[in-house]
Amino acid sequence: MANWNIEGKEFVSCNCAYGCPCQFNARPTHGDCTAFQAIHIEKGQHGSTSLDGLRTVALLAWPGAIHEGNGEAQLIIEERATSPQREALLRILAGQDTEPGATIWQVFSATFARVHDPIFAPIEFTVDVERRIASLKVPGVLEGRGEPIRNPVTGAEHRARIDLPGGFEYTLAEMGRGWSKVTGAIKFDLADSYGQFARIHLSHNGVVH
């Protein structure tokens, strides 16, 4: 098992209401789950392979709550990644080379009934965690954006965060909202639903504190 480490920023959006009940081990808002996770790796390593500067996207769907299984996934790796980098990222995002239960990717991997062939394509992705703003595009597959939640009366930006000291993805995430249209093997169209902005630092042993 190769040791690995990833530091970077993520934007996640799913079909749940703001805050997402799944973050609290409750059932998803609408009974099912469709989501994507976009990551910009600022600094990363898998064994001797550098992952610095690369971007990835995971498209995800489950017919019920995540822990009930029968889900499906499709991974997108930035096309400029070399063959060793592609292999390393596919292993990490598939939950391999990871202690059981240590990361979101390893836990999710146990819930998939189907994993579609990966896509290697350009990924246009910018995210500002503090400002809760993101823009994401994978030509022909996905377009998405993230914005702050706004006060329904005044229109002022509303700031809320989720703190998960024992989490397997992040320790602190900014809450926002997201829009997305996905036309890959997994298809969904979301408007003004859950958005999450976070800095992540993960390794084969889990969240790095």
N, C-alpha and C. Protein backbone atom coordinates (compact mmCIF):
# COMPACT_ATOMS: atom_id res chain seq x y z
N MET A 1 0.84 -1.19 0.00
CA MET A 1 0.00 0.00 0.00
C MET A 1 0.87 1.24 0.00
N ALA A 2 0.72 2.10 -0.99
CA ALA A 2 1.52 3.32 -1.09
C ALA A 2 0.99 4.38 -0.13
N ASN A 3 1.91 5.08 0.52
CA ASN A 3 1.51 6.21 1.34
C ASN A 3 1.16 7.40 0.44
N TRP A 4 0.15 8.17 0.83
CA TRP A 4 -0.21 9.35 0.05
C TRP A 4 -0.70 10.46 0.96
N ASN A 5 -0.72 11.67 0.41
CA ASN A 5 -1.11 12.86 1.16
C ASN A 5 -1.61 13.90 0.18
N ILE A 6 -2.75 14.49 0.48
CA ILE A 6 -3.33 15.51 -0.39
C ILE A 6 -3.75 16.72 0.44
N GLU A 7 -3.33 17.91 0.02
CA GLU A 7 -3.80 19.17 0.59
C GLU A 7 -4.42 19.99 -0.53
N GLY A 8 -5.57 20.60 -0.26
CA GLY A 8 -6.19 21.41 -1.30
C GLY A 8 -7.52 21.98 -0.88
N LYS A 9 -8.34 22.31 -1.89
CA LYS A 9 -9.64 22.93 -1.66
C LYS A 9 -10.70 22.14 -2.42
N GLU A 10 -11.90 22.10 -1.85
CA GLU A 10 -12.98 21.38 -2.52
C GLU A 10 -14.26 22.20 -2.56
N PHE A 11 -15.07 21.88 -3.56
CA PHE A 11 -16.44 22.37 -3.66
C PHE A 11 -17.31 21.15 -3.89
N VAL A 12 -18.31 20.99 -3.04
CA VAL A 12 -19.23 19.85 -3.11
C VAL A 12 -20.65 20.38 -3.19
N SER A 13 -21.46 19.75 -4.02
CA SER A 13 -22.87 20.12 -4.07
C SER A 13 -23.69 18.85 -4.23
N CYS A 14 -24.83 18.80 -3.54
CA CYS A 14 -25.72 17.65 -3.65
C CYS A 14 -27.16 18.14 -3.71
N ASN A 15 -28.11 17.21 -3.81
CA ASN A 15 -29.52 17.58 -3.97
C ASN A 15 -30.22 17.86 -2.66
N CYS A 16 -29.51 17.81 -1.53
CA CYS A 16 -30.13 18.10 -0.23
C CYS A 16 -30.35 19.61 -0.03
N ALA A 17 -31.14 19.92 0.97
CA ALA A 17 -31.34 21.32 1.38
C ALA A 17 -30.06 21.84 2.01
N TYR A 18 -29.99 23.18 2.19
CA TYR A 18 -28.83 23.78 2.83
C TYR A 18 -28.47 23.02 4.11
N GLY A 19 -27.19 22.80 4.31
CA GLY A 19 -26.74 22.12 5.53
C GLY A 19 -26.60 20.63 5.38
N CYS A 20 -27.43 20.00 4.56
CA CYS A 20 -27.39 18.56 4.24
C CYS A 20 -27.52 17.67 5.49
N PRO A 21 -28.66 17.02 5.67
CA PRO A 21 -28.85 16.15 6.84
C PRO A 21 -27.80 15.05 6.95
N CYS A 22 -27.25 14.62 5.82
CA CYS A 22 -26.26 13.54 5.85
C CYS A 22 -25.04 13.92 6.69
N GLN A 23 -24.77 15.22 6.80
CA GLN A 23 -23.64 15.67 7.61
C GLN A 23 -23.86 15.36 9.09
N PHE A 24 -25.13 15.06 9.45
CA PHE A 24 -25.49 14.79 10.84
C PHE A 24 -26.02 13.37 11.03
N ASN A 25 -25.70 12.50 10.06
CA ASN A 25 -26.16 11.11 10.10
C ASN A 25 -27.68 10.99 10.06
N ALA A 26 -28.34 11.98 9.46
CA ALA A 26 -29.78 11.91 9.22
C ALA A 26 -30.01 11.52 7.77
N ARG A 27 -31.25 11.21 7.43
CA ARG A 27 -31.56 10.79 6.07
C ARG A 27 -31.53 11.99 5.12
N PRO A 28 -31.18 11.76 3.84
CA PRO A 28 -31.13 12.87 2.89
C PRO A 28 -32.48 13.53 2.71
N THR A 29 -32.45 14.81 2.36
CA THR A 29 -33.66 15.64 2.28
C THR A 29 -34.77 15.00 1.45
N HIS A 30 -34.42 14.47 0.29
CA HIS A 30 -35.42 13.93 -0.63
C HIS A 30 -35.42 12.41 -0.69
N GLY A 31 -34.69 11.79 0.23
CA GLY A 31 -34.67 10.33 0.28
C GLY A 31 -33.58 9.67 -0.52
N ASP A 32 -33.03 10.39 -1.53
CA ASP A 32 -31.95 9.87 -2.35
C ASP A 32 -30.80 10.86 -2.34
N CYS A 33 -29.71 10.51 -3.01
CA CYS A 33 -28.55 11.41 -3.02
C CYS A 33 -27.92 11.44 -4.40
N THR A 34 -27.76 12.64 -4.94
CA THR A 34 -26.94 12.87 -6.13
C THR A 34 -26.00 14.02 -5.80
N ALA A 35 -24.75 13.87 -6.20
CA ALA A 35 -23.75 14.86 -5.76
C ALA A 35 -22.52 14.84 -6.65
N PHE A 36 -21.74 15.92 -6.54
CA PHE A 36 -20.40 15.91 -7.11
C PHE A 36 -19.43 16.51 -6.10
N GLN A 37 -18.18 16.12 -6.22
CA GLN A 37 -17.10 16.66 -5.40
C GLN A 37 -15.98 17.07 -6.34
N ALA A 38 -15.64 18.35 -6.32
CA ALA A 38 -14.54 18.86 -7.14
C ALA A 38 -13.39 19.25 -6.21
N ILE A 39 -12.18 18.88 -6.59
CA ILE A 39 -11.01 19.15 -5.76
C ILE A 39 -9.89 19.77 -6.58
N HIS A 40 -9.28 20.80 -6.03
CA HIS A 40 -8.04 21.34 -6.57
C HIS A 40 -6.94 20.97 -5.59
N ILE A 41 -6.02 20.12 -6.02
CA ILE A 41 -4.93 19.67 -5.17
C ILE A 41 -3.80 20.70 -5.24
N GLU A 42 -3.57 21.38 -4.15
CA GLU A 42 -2.48 22.35 -4.11
C GLU A 42 -1.13 21.63 -3.93
N LYS A 43 -1.14 20.61 -3.09
CA LYS A 43 0.07 19.84 -2.82
C LYS A 43 -0.32 18.40 -2.56
N GLY A 44 0.30 17.48 -3.26
CA GLY A 44 -0.06 16.08 -3.06
C GLY A 44 1.03 15.13 -3.51
N GLN A 45 0.99 13.94 -2.95
CA GLN A 45 1.99 12.93 -3.25
C GLN A 45 1.37 11.56 -3.09
N HIS A 46 1.64 10.64 -4.01
CA HIS A 46 1.26 9.23 -3.87
C HIS A 46 2.52 8.43 -4.12
N GLY A 47 3.09 7.88 -3.04
CA GLY A 47 4.40 7.26 -3.18
C GLY A 47 5.38 8.31 -3.66
N SER A 48 6.05 8.05 -4.78
CA SER A 48 7.01 9.01 -5.34
C SER A 48 6.40 9.89 -6.41
N THR A 49 5.08 9.77 -6.64
CA THR A 49 4.41 10.52 -7.70
C THR A 49 3.81 11.81 -7.15
N SER A 50 4.22 12.96 -7.70
CA SER A 50 3.67 14.24 -7.30
C SER A 50 2.28 14.43 -7.90
N LEU A 51 1.38 15.00 -7.10
CA LEU A 51 0.02 15.31 -7.55
C LEU A 51 -0.25 16.81 -7.50
N ASP A 52 0.79 17.59 -7.34
CA ASP A 52 0.65 19.04 -7.18
C ASP A 52 -0.11 19.66 -8.35
N GLY A 53 -1.08 20.51 -8.02
CA GLY A 53 -1.77 21.31 -9.02
C GLY A 53 -2.85 20.62 -9.81
N LEU A 54 -3.10 19.35 -9.58
CA LEU A 54 -4.10 18.62 -10.37
C LEU A 54 -5.51 18.80 -9.82
N ARG A 55 -6.49 18.55 -10.68
CA ARG A 55 -7.90 18.69 -10.31
C ARG A 55 -8.64 17.39 -10.59
N THR A 56 -9.62 17.10 -9.74
CA THR A 56 -10.43 15.90 -9.91
C THR A 56 -11.89 16.23 -9.63
N VAL A 57 -12.78 15.42 -10.19
CA VAL A 57 -14.21 15.52 -9.91
C VAL A 57 -14.76 14.12 -9.73
N ALA A 58 -15.63 13.93 -8.76
CA ALA A 58 -16.34 12.67 -8.58
C ALA A 58 -17.82 12.93 -8.74
N LEU A 59 -18.48 12.17 -9.62
CA LEU A 59 -19.93 12.22 -9.79
C LEU A 59 -20.51 11.03 -9.04
N LEU A 60 -21.53 11.28 -8.22
CA LEU A 60 -22.01 10.27 -7.28
C LEU A 60 -23.53 10.22 -7.25
N ALA A 61 -24.10 9.03 -7.03
CA ALA A 61 -25.55 8.91 -6.91
C ALA A 61 -25.90 7.65 -6.12
N TRP A 62 -26.90 7.77 -5.27
CA TRP A 62 -27.44 6.65 -4.51
C TRP A 62 -28.97 6.71 -4.55
N PRO A 63 -29.66 5.59 -4.63
CA PRO A 63 -31.13 5.61 -4.67
C PRO A 63 -31.77 5.90 -3.32
N GLY A 64 -31.01 5.78 -2.27
CA GLY A 64 -31.49 6.07 -0.91
C GLY A 64 -30.40 6.77 -0.14
N ALA A 65 -30.34 6.52 1.16
CA ALA A 65 -29.25 7.06 1.97
C ALA A 65 -27.94 6.38 1.57
N ILE A 66 -26.84 7.09 1.70
CA ILE A 66 -25.55 6.58 1.25
C ILE A 66 -25.21 5.24 1.90
N HIS A 67 -25.44 5.11 3.20
CA HIS A 67 -25.03 3.89 3.90
C HIS A 67 -25.84 2.67 3.48
N GLU A 68 -26.96 2.89 2.76
CA GLU A 68 -27.77 1.76 2.30
C GLU A 68 -27.24 1.14 1.01
N GLY A 69 -26.27 1.80 0.39
CA GLY A 69 -25.59 1.23 -0.76
C GLY A 69 -26.32 1.36 -2.08
N ASN A 70 -25.96 0.48 -3.02
CA ASN A 70 -26.51 0.48 -4.38
C ASN A 70 -26.20 1.77 -5.13
N GLY A 71 -25.10 2.42 -4.79
CA GLY A 71 -24.74 3.67 -5.44
C GLY A 71 -23.94 3.46 -6.70
N GLU A 72 -23.67 4.56 -7.38
CA GLU A 72 -22.83 4.53 -8.57
C GLU A 72 -21.92 5.75 -8.57
N ALA A 73 -20.82 5.63 -9.26
CA ALA A 73 -19.83 6.71 -9.27
C ALA A 73 -19.14 6.77 -10.62
N GLN A 74 -18.68 7.98 -10.94
CA GLN A 74 -17.83 8.17 -12.11
C GLN A 74 -16.77 9.21 -11.74
N LEU A 75 -15.51 8.90 -11.99
CA LEU A 75 -14.41 9.78 -11.65
C LEU A 75 -13.92 10.52 -12.88
N ILE A 76 -13.57 11.78 -12.69
CA ILE A 76 -13.01 12.61 -13.75
C ILE A 76 -11.65 13.09 -13.29
N ILE A 77 -10.63 12.83 -14.09
CA ILE A 77 -9.27 13.26 -13.79
C ILE A 77 -8.83 14.25 -14.86
N GLU A 78 -8.18 15.31 -14.43
CA GLU A 78 -7.70 16.30 -15.38
C GLU A 78 -6.83 15.64 -16.45
N GLU A 79 -7.11 15.94 -17.72
CA GLU A 79 -6.46 15.22 -18.82
C GLU A 79 -4.95 15.42 -18.88
N ARG A 80 -4.45 16.52 -18.33
CA ARG A 80 -3.01 16.77 -18.39
C ARG A 80 -2.22 15.91 -17.40
N ALA A 81 -2.91 15.17 -16.54
CA ALA A 81 -2.22 14.28 -15.61
C ALA A 81 -1.48 13.19 -16.39
N THR A 82 -0.29 12.87 -15.97
CA THR A 82 0.49 11.80 -16.60
C THR A 82 -0.11 10.45 -16.23
N SER A 83 0.34 9.41 -16.89
CA SER A 83 -0.16 8.05 -16.60
C SER A 83 0.04 7.67 -15.13
N PRO A 84 1.24 7.90 -14.54
CA PRO A 84 1.40 7.60 -13.11
C PRO A 84 0.47 8.44 -12.22
N GLN A 85 0.27 9.70 -12.59
CA GLN A 85 -0.62 10.56 -11.81
C GLN A 85 -2.08 10.09 -11.92
N ARG A 86 -2.49 9.70 -13.11
CA ARG A 86 -3.85 9.19 -13.29
C ARG A 86 -4.07 7.94 -12.44
N GLU A 87 -3.13 7.02 -12.50
CA GLU A 87 -3.23 5.78 -11.74
C GLU A 87 -3.28 6.07 -10.24
N ALA A 88 -2.45 7.00 -9.78
CA ALA A 88 -2.42 7.34 -8.36
C ALA A 88 -3.74 7.94 -7.91
N LEU A 89 -4.28 8.88 -8.68
CA LEU A 89 -5.53 9.53 -8.31
C LEU A 89 -6.70 8.56 -8.36
N LEU A 90 -6.73 7.68 -9.35
CA LEU A 90 -7.80 6.70 -9.42
C LEU A 90 -7.76 5.76 -8.23
N ARG A 91 -6.58 5.40 -7.79
CA ARG A 91 -6.47 4.54 -6.61
C ARG A 91 -6.95 5.26 -5.35
N ILE A 92 -6.54 6.51 -5.18
CA ILE A 92 -6.95 7.27 -4.00
C ILE A 92 -8.46 7.47 -3.98
N LEU A 93 -9.01 7.92 -5.10
CA LEU A 93 -10.44 8.23 -5.16
C LEU A 93 -11.32 6.99 -5.15
N ALA A 94 -10.74 5.84 -5.42
CA ALA A 94 -11.47 4.57 -5.35
C ALA A 94 -11.35 3.94 -3.96
N GLY A 95 -10.70 4.65 -3.05
CA GLY A 95 -10.59 4.15 -1.68
C GLY A 95 -9.48 3.14 -1.47
N GLN A 96 -8.60 2.96 -2.46
CA GLN A 96 -7.49 2.03 -2.31
C GLN A 96 -6.31 2.72 -1.60
N ASP A 97 -5.34 1.93 -1.18
CA ASP A 97 -4.18 2.47 -0.46
C ASP A 97 -4.60 3.31 0.74
N THR A 98 -5.67 2.91 1.40
CA THR A 98 -6.24 3.69 2.50
C THR A 98 -6.70 2.77 3.62
N GLU A 99 -6.45 3.18 4.86
CA GLU A 99 -6.95 2.42 6.00
C GLU A 99 -8.48 2.36 5.95
N PRO A 100 -9.09 1.22 6.27
CA PRO A 100 -10.55 1.09 6.22
C PRO A 100 -11.25 2.15 7.08
N GLY A 101 -12.22 2.85 6.46
CA GLY A 101 -12.99 3.86 7.16
C GLY A 101 -12.29 5.18 7.37
N ALA A 102 -11.08 5.34 6.82
CA ALA A 102 -10.27 6.52 7.14
C ALA A 102 -10.65 7.76 6.36
N THR A 103 -11.12 7.60 5.11
CA THR A 103 -11.46 8.76 4.28
C THR A 103 -12.83 8.60 3.65
N ILE A 104 -13.37 9.71 3.19
CA ILE A 104 -14.66 9.71 2.52
C ILE A 104 -14.64 8.77 1.31
N TRP A 105 -13.50 8.74 0.59
CA TRP A 105 -13.43 7.92 -0.62
C TRP A 105 -13.42 6.44 -0.28
N GLN A 106 -12.75 6.06 0.80
CA GLN A 106 -12.71 4.65 1.17
C GLN A 106 -14.09 4.21 1.66
N VAL A 107 -14.75 5.04 2.45
CA VAL A 107 -16.08 4.70 2.96
C VAL A 107 -17.08 4.60 1.81
N PHE A 108 -17.09 5.59 0.92
CA PHE A 108 -18.01 5.58 -0.21
C PHE A 108 -17.79 4.37 -1.11
N SER A 109 -16.53 3.96 -1.27
CA SER A 109 -16.23 2.85 -2.18
C SER A 109 -16.98 1.58 -1.80
N ALA A 110 -17.28 1.43 -0.52
CA ALA A 110 -17.99 0.24 -0.06
C ALA A 110 -19.49 0.29 -0.35
N THR A 111 -19.97 1.44 -0.85
CA THR A 111 -21.41 1.61 -1.07
C THR A 111 -21.80 1.57 -2.55
N PHE A 112 -20.82 1.39 -3.44
CA PHE A 112 -21.10 1.44 -4.88
C PHE A 112 -21.44 0.06 -5.44
N ALA A 113 -22.52 0.01 -6.20
CA ALA A 113 -22.86 -1.19 -6.96
C ALA A 113 -22.29 -1.11 -8.37
N ARG A 114 -22.00 0.11 -8.81
CA ARG A 114 -21.47 0.29 -10.15
C ARG A 114 -20.51 1.48 -10.18
N VAL A 115 -19.36 1.27 -10.80
CA VAL A 115 -18.40 2.35 -11.01
C VAL A 115 -18.17 2.46 -12.52
N HIS A 116 -18.54 3.58 -13.09
CA HIS A 116 -18.41 3.80 -14.53
C HIS A 116 -16.95 4.05 -14.89
N ASP A 117 -16.62 3.88 -16.15
CA ASP A 117 -15.26 4.15 -16.62
C ASP A 117 -14.89 5.60 -16.33
N PRO A 118 -13.66 5.85 -15.92
CA PRO A 118 -13.24 7.22 -15.64
C PRO A 118 -13.17 8.06 -16.91
N ILE A 119 -13.25 9.37 -16.71
CA ILE A 119 -13.13 10.34 -17.80
C ILE A 119 -11.84 11.13 -17.59
N PHE A 120 -11.11 11.34 -18.66
CA PHE A 120 -9.91 12.19 -18.61
C PHE A 120 -10.21 13.38 -19.52
N ALA A 121 -10.36 14.56 -18.92
CA ALA A 121 -10.84 15.73 -19.66
C ALA A 121 -10.33 17.00 -19.01
N PRO A 122 -10.42 18.12 -19.72
CA PRO A 122 -10.07 19.41 -19.09
C PRO A 122 -11.04 19.69 -17.94
N ILE A 123 -10.52 20.20 -16.85
CA ILE A 123 -11.35 20.60 -15.71
C ILE A 123 -11.06 22.06 -15.41
N GLU A 124 -12.06 22.91 -15.62
CA GLU A 124 -11.95 24.32 -15.27
C GLU A 124 -12.59 24.51 -13.90
N PHE A 125 -11.78 24.85 -12.91
CA PHE A 125 -12.29 24.89 -11.54
C PHE A 125 -11.60 25.98 -10.74
N THR A 126 -12.40 26.86 -10.17
CA THR A 126 -11.91 27.86 -9.23
C THR A 126 -12.80 27.83 -8.00
N VAL A 127 -12.20 27.99 -6.84
CA VAL A 127 -12.97 28.00 -5.60
C VAL A 127 -12.30 28.91 -4.59
N ASP A 128 -13.12 29.73 -3.94
CA ASP A 128 -12.68 30.59 -2.85
C ASP A 128 -13.46 30.15 -1.62
N VAL A 129 -12.80 29.42 -0.73
CA VAL A 129 -13.49 28.84 0.42
C VAL A 129 -14.06 29.91 1.34
N GLU A 130 -13.27 30.92 1.66
CA GLU A 130 -13.72 31.95 2.59
C GLU A 130 -14.91 32.75 2.03
N ARG A 131 -14.90 33.03 0.75
CA ARG A 131 -15.98 33.81 0.14
C ARG A 131 -17.15 32.93 -0.30
N ARG A 132 -16.96 31.61 -0.27
CA ARG A 132 -18.01 30.64 -0.61
C ARG A 132 -18.47 30.84 -2.06
N ILE A 133 -17.47 30.86 -2.94
CA ILE A 133 -17.73 31.04 -4.38
C ILE A 133 -16.94 29.97 -5.14
N ALA A 134 -17.59 29.36 -6.13
CA ALA A 134 -16.90 28.37 -6.94
C ALA A 134 -17.48 28.35 -8.35
N SER A 135 -16.65 27.95 -9.29
CA SER A 135 -17.07 27.76 -10.68
C SER A 135 -16.41 26.49 -11.19
N LEU A 136 -17.20 25.64 -11.86
CA LEU A 136 -16.70 24.34 -12.29
C LEU A 136 -17.24 24.02 -13.68
N LYS A 137 -16.35 23.54 -14.56
CA LYS A 137 -16.79 23.12 -15.89
C LYS A 137 -15.90 21.99 -16.40
N VAL A 138 -16.56 20.93 -16.82
CA VAL A 138 -15.91 19.84 -17.56
C VAL A 138 -16.67 19.76 -18.87
N PRO A 139 -16.09 20.23 -19.98
CA PRO A 139 -16.83 20.33 -21.23
C PRO A 139 -17.55 19.04 -21.63
N GLY A 140 -18.83 19.19 -21.92
CA GLY A 140 -19.64 18.05 -22.33
C GLY A 140 -20.09 17.14 -21.22
N VAL A 141 -19.70 17.44 -19.97
CA VAL A 141 -20.04 16.56 -18.85
C VAL A 141 -20.71 17.30 -17.70
N LEU A 142 -20.15 18.43 -17.31
CA LEU A 142 -20.61 19.08 -16.08
C LEU A 142 -20.38 20.58 -16.11
N GLU A 143 -21.38 21.31 -15.65
CA GLU A 143 -21.24 22.74 -15.36
C GLU A 143 -21.85 23.00 -14.00
N GLY A 144 -21.14 23.71 -13.16
CA GLY A 144 -21.66 23.99 -11.83
C GLY A 144 -21.09 25.28 -11.28
N ARG A 145 -21.76 25.77 -10.26
CA ARG A 145 -21.27 26.97 -9.59
C ARG A 145 -21.75 26.96 -8.13
N GLY A 146 -21.03 27.68 -7.29
CA GLY A 146 -21.40 27.79 -5.89
C GLY A 146 -21.44 29.24 -5.46
N GLU A 147 -22.36 29.54 -4.56
CA GLU A 147 -22.54 30.90 -4.06
C GLU A 147 -22.84 30.86 -2.56
N PRO A 148 -22.72 32.01 -1.89
CA PRO A 148 -23.11 32.08 -0.48
C PRO A 148 -24.63 31.96 -0.33
N ILE A 149 -25.06 31.45 0.79
CA ILE A 149 -26.47 31.52 1.18
C ILE A 149 -26.78 32.98 1.49
N ARG A 150 -27.98 33.42 1.15
CA ARG A 150 -28.36 34.82 1.41
C ARG A 150 -29.59 34.91 2.31
N ASN A 151 -29.61 35.94 3.13
CA ASN A 151 -30.76 36.21 3.98
C ASN A 151 -31.98 36.43 3.09
N PRO A 152 -33.10 35.71 3.30
CA PRO A 152 -34.25 35.83 2.41
C PRO A 152 -34.95 37.18 2.49
N VAL A 153 -34.68 37.96 3.53
CA VAL A 153 -35.33 39.27 3.70
C VAL A 153 -34.43 40.39 3.20
N THR A 154 -33.18 40.40 3.66
CA THR A 154 -32.28 41.51 3.33
C THR A 154 -31.39 41.23 2.12
N GLY A 155 -31.21 39.95 1.78
CA GLY A 155 -30.31 39.60 0.69
C GLY A 155 -28.86 39.56 1.10
N ALA A 156 -28.58 39.87 2.35
CA ALA A 156 -27.19 39.85 2.83
C ALA A 156 -26.65 38.43 2.87
N GLU A 157 -25.34 38.28 2.67
CA GLU A 157 -24.73 36.96 2.73
C GLU A 157 -24.84 36.39 4.14
N HIS A 158 -25.21 35.13 4.20
CA HIS A 158 -25.35 34.42 5.48
C HIS A 158 -24.20 33.43 5.60
N ARG A 159 -23.52 33.43 6.72
CA ARG A 159 -22.38 32.53 6.90
C ARG A 159 -22.69 31.50 7.98
N ALA A 160 -22.53 30.22 7.63
CA ALA A 160 -22.69 29.13 8.57
C ALA A 160 -21.63 28.09 8.25
N ARG A 161 -21.16 27.38 9.28
CA ARG A 161 -20.11 26.39 9.09
C ARG A 161 -20.46 25.10 9.81
N ILE A 162 -19.90 23.99 9.34
CA ILE A 162 -20.03 22.71 10.01
C ILE A 162 -18.64 22.30 10.49
N ASP A 163 -18.55 21.98 11.77
CA ASP A 163 -17.30 21.58 12.39
C ASP A 163 -17.39 20.09 12.73
N LEU A 164 -16.55 19.28 12.09
CA LEU A 164 -16.56 17.83 12.34
C LEU A 164 -15.17 17.39 12.82
N PRO A 165 -14.92 17.47 14.12
CA PRO A 165 -13.60 17.12 14.63
C PRO A 165 -13.18 15.69 14.30
N GLY A 166 -14.16 14.79 14.19
CA GLY A 166 -13.84 13.40 13.90
C GLY A 166 -14.23 12.99 12.49
N GLY A 167 -14.36 13.95 11.59
CA GLY A 167 -14.81 13.66 10.23
C GLY A 167 -13.79 12.92 9.39
N PHE A 168 -14.26 12.37 8.25
CA PHE A 168 -13.35 11.64 7.35
C PHE A 168 -13.14 12.38 6.03
N GLU A 169 -13.59 13.66 5.99
CA GLU A 169 -13.41 14.46 4.78
C GLU A 169 -12.75 15.80 5.09
N TYR A 170 -13.29 16.49 6.07
CA TYR A 170 -12.79 17.81 6.46
C TYR A 170 -12.98 17.98 7.96
N THR A 171 -12.39 19.02 8.52
CA THR A 171 -12.65 19.36 9.92
C THR A 171 -13.60 20.55 10.02
N LEU A 172 -13.54 21.46 9.02
CA LEU A 172 -14.41 22.63 9.04
C LEU A 172 -14.81 22.98 7.61
N ALA A 173 -16.10 23.12 7.37
CA ALA A 173 -16.59 23.43 6.03
C ALA A 173 -17.53 24.63 6.06
N GLU A 174 -17.37 25.51 5.09
CA GLU A 174 -18.26 26.64 4.91
C GLU A 174 -19.49 26.17 4.14
N MET A 175 -20.65 26.62 4.61
CA MET A 175 -21.90 26.24 3.96
C MET A 175 -22.30 27.29 2.91
N GLY A 176 -22.80 26.79 1.79
CA GLY A 176 -23.28 27.67 0.73
C GLY A 176 -24.39 26.98 -0.04
N ARG A 177 -24.49 27.31 -1.30
CA ARG A 177 -25.51 26.69 -2.16
C ARG A 177 -24.91 26.47 -3.54
N GLY A 178 -25.51 25.55 -4.28
CA GLY A 178 -24.93 25.21 -5.56
C GLY A 178 -25.95 24.97 -6.66
N TRP A 179 -25.45 25.11 -7.88
CA TRP A 179 -26.21 24.81 -9.09
C TRP A 179 -25.35 23.89 -9.95
N SER A 180 -25.95 22.93 -10.61
CA SER A 180 -25.16 22.06 -11.48
C SER A 180 -26.04 21.34 -12.49
N LYS A 181 -25.43 21.07 -13.63
CA LYS A 181 -26.06 20.24 -14.65
C LYS A 181 -25.02 19.21 -15.08
N VAL A 182 -25.34 17.94 -14.88
CA VAL A 182 -24.41 16.85 -15.14
C VAL A 182 -24.98 15.94 -16.22
N THR A 183 -24.17 15.68 -17.24
CA THR A 183 -24.65 14.88 -18.38
C THR A 183 -23.73 13.71 -18.68
N GLY A 184 -22.97 13.25 -17.69
CA GLY A 184 -22.11 12.10 -17.88
C GLY A 184 -22.92 10.82 -17.77
N ALA A 185 -22.25 9.72 -17.40
CA ALA A 185 -22.95 8.46 -17.18
C ALA A 185 -23.97 8.61 -16.06
N ILE A 186 -23.67 9.49 -15.11
CA ILE A 186 -24.61 9.86 -14.06
C ILE A 186 -25.16 11.23 -14.41
N LYS A 187 -26.47 11.37 -14.45
CA LYS A 187 -27.08 12.63 -14.90
C LYS A 187 -27.94 13.23 -13.78
N PHE A 188 -27.79 14.54 -13.57
CA PHE A 188 -28.69 15.25 -12.67
C PHE A 188 -28.60 16.74 -12.95
N ASP A 189 -29.62 17.45 -12.49
CA ASP A 189 -29.74 18.89 -12.71
C ASP A 189 -30.22 19.50 -11.40
N LEU A 190 -29.35 20.22 -10.71
CA LEU A 190 -29.66 20.77 -9.39
C LEU A 190 -29.67 22.29 -9.42
N ALA A 191 -30.57 22.88 -8.65
CA ALA A 191 -30.67 24.34 -8.58
C ALA A 191 -30.87 24.78 -7.14
N ASP A 192 -29.98 25.65 -6.68
CA ASP A 192 -30.10 26.25 -5.35
C ASP A 192 -30.23 25.19 -4.26
N SER A 193 -29.31 24.22 -4.27
CA SER A 193 -29.31 23.17 -3.26
C SER A 193 -28.03 23.27 -2.44
N TYR A 194 -27.73 22.24 -1.69
CA TYR A 194 -26.59 22.25 -0.78
C TYR A 194 -25.27 22.52 -1.47
N GLY A 195 -24.48 23.40 -0.88
CA GLY A 195 -23.13 23.67 -1.36
C GLY A 195 -22.16 23.67 -0.18
N GLN A 196 -20.98 23.14 -0.40
CA GLN A 196 -19.98 23.02 0.66
C GLN A 196 -18.61 23.44 0.13
N PHE A 197 -17.93 24.26 0.90
CA PHE A 197 -16.61 24.77 0.52
C PHE A 197 -15.66 24.46 1.67
N ALA A 198 -14.54 23.79 1.38
CA ALA A 198 -13.66 23.41 2.48
C ALA A 198 -12.22 23.26 2.02
N ARG A 199 -11.34 23.47 2.95
CA ARG A 199 -9.94 23.09 2.76
C ARG A 199 -9.81 21.66 3.28
N ILE A 200 -9.13 20.81 2.51
CA ILE A 200 -8.99 19.43 2.92
C ILE A 200 -7.51 19.07 3.04
N HIS A 201 -7.22 18.16 3.93
CA HIS A 201 -5.87 17.60 4.10
C HIS A 201 -6.07 16.16 4.52
N LEU A 202 -5.89 15.26 3.57
CA LEU A 202 -6.16 13.84 3.78
C LEU A 202 -4.93 13.01 3.45
N SER A 203 -4.86 11.85 4.10
CA SER A 203 -3.78 10.90 3.82
C SER A 203 -4.34 9.49 3.88
N HIS A 204 -3.48 8.50 3.67
CA HIS A 204 -3.88 7.11 3.74
C HIS A 204 -4.39 6.75 5.14
N ASN A 205 -4.09 7.57 6.13
CA ASN A 205 -4.56 7.33 7.49
C ASN A 205 -5.78 8.16 7.85
N GLY A 206 -6.26 9.02 6.95
CA GLY A 206 -7.43 9.84 7.23
C GLY A 206 -7.13 11.33 7.23
N VAL A 207 -7.98 12.11 7.88
CA VAL A 207 -7.81 13.55 7.95
C VAL A 207 -6.56 13.87 8.75
N VAL A 208 -5.74 14.76 8.21
CA VAL A 208 -4.51 15.18 8.89
C VAL A 208 -4.85 16.41 9.72
N HIS A 209 -4.63 16.33 11.02
CA HIS A 209 -4.96 17.43 11.92
C HIS A 209 -3.70 18.25 12.23
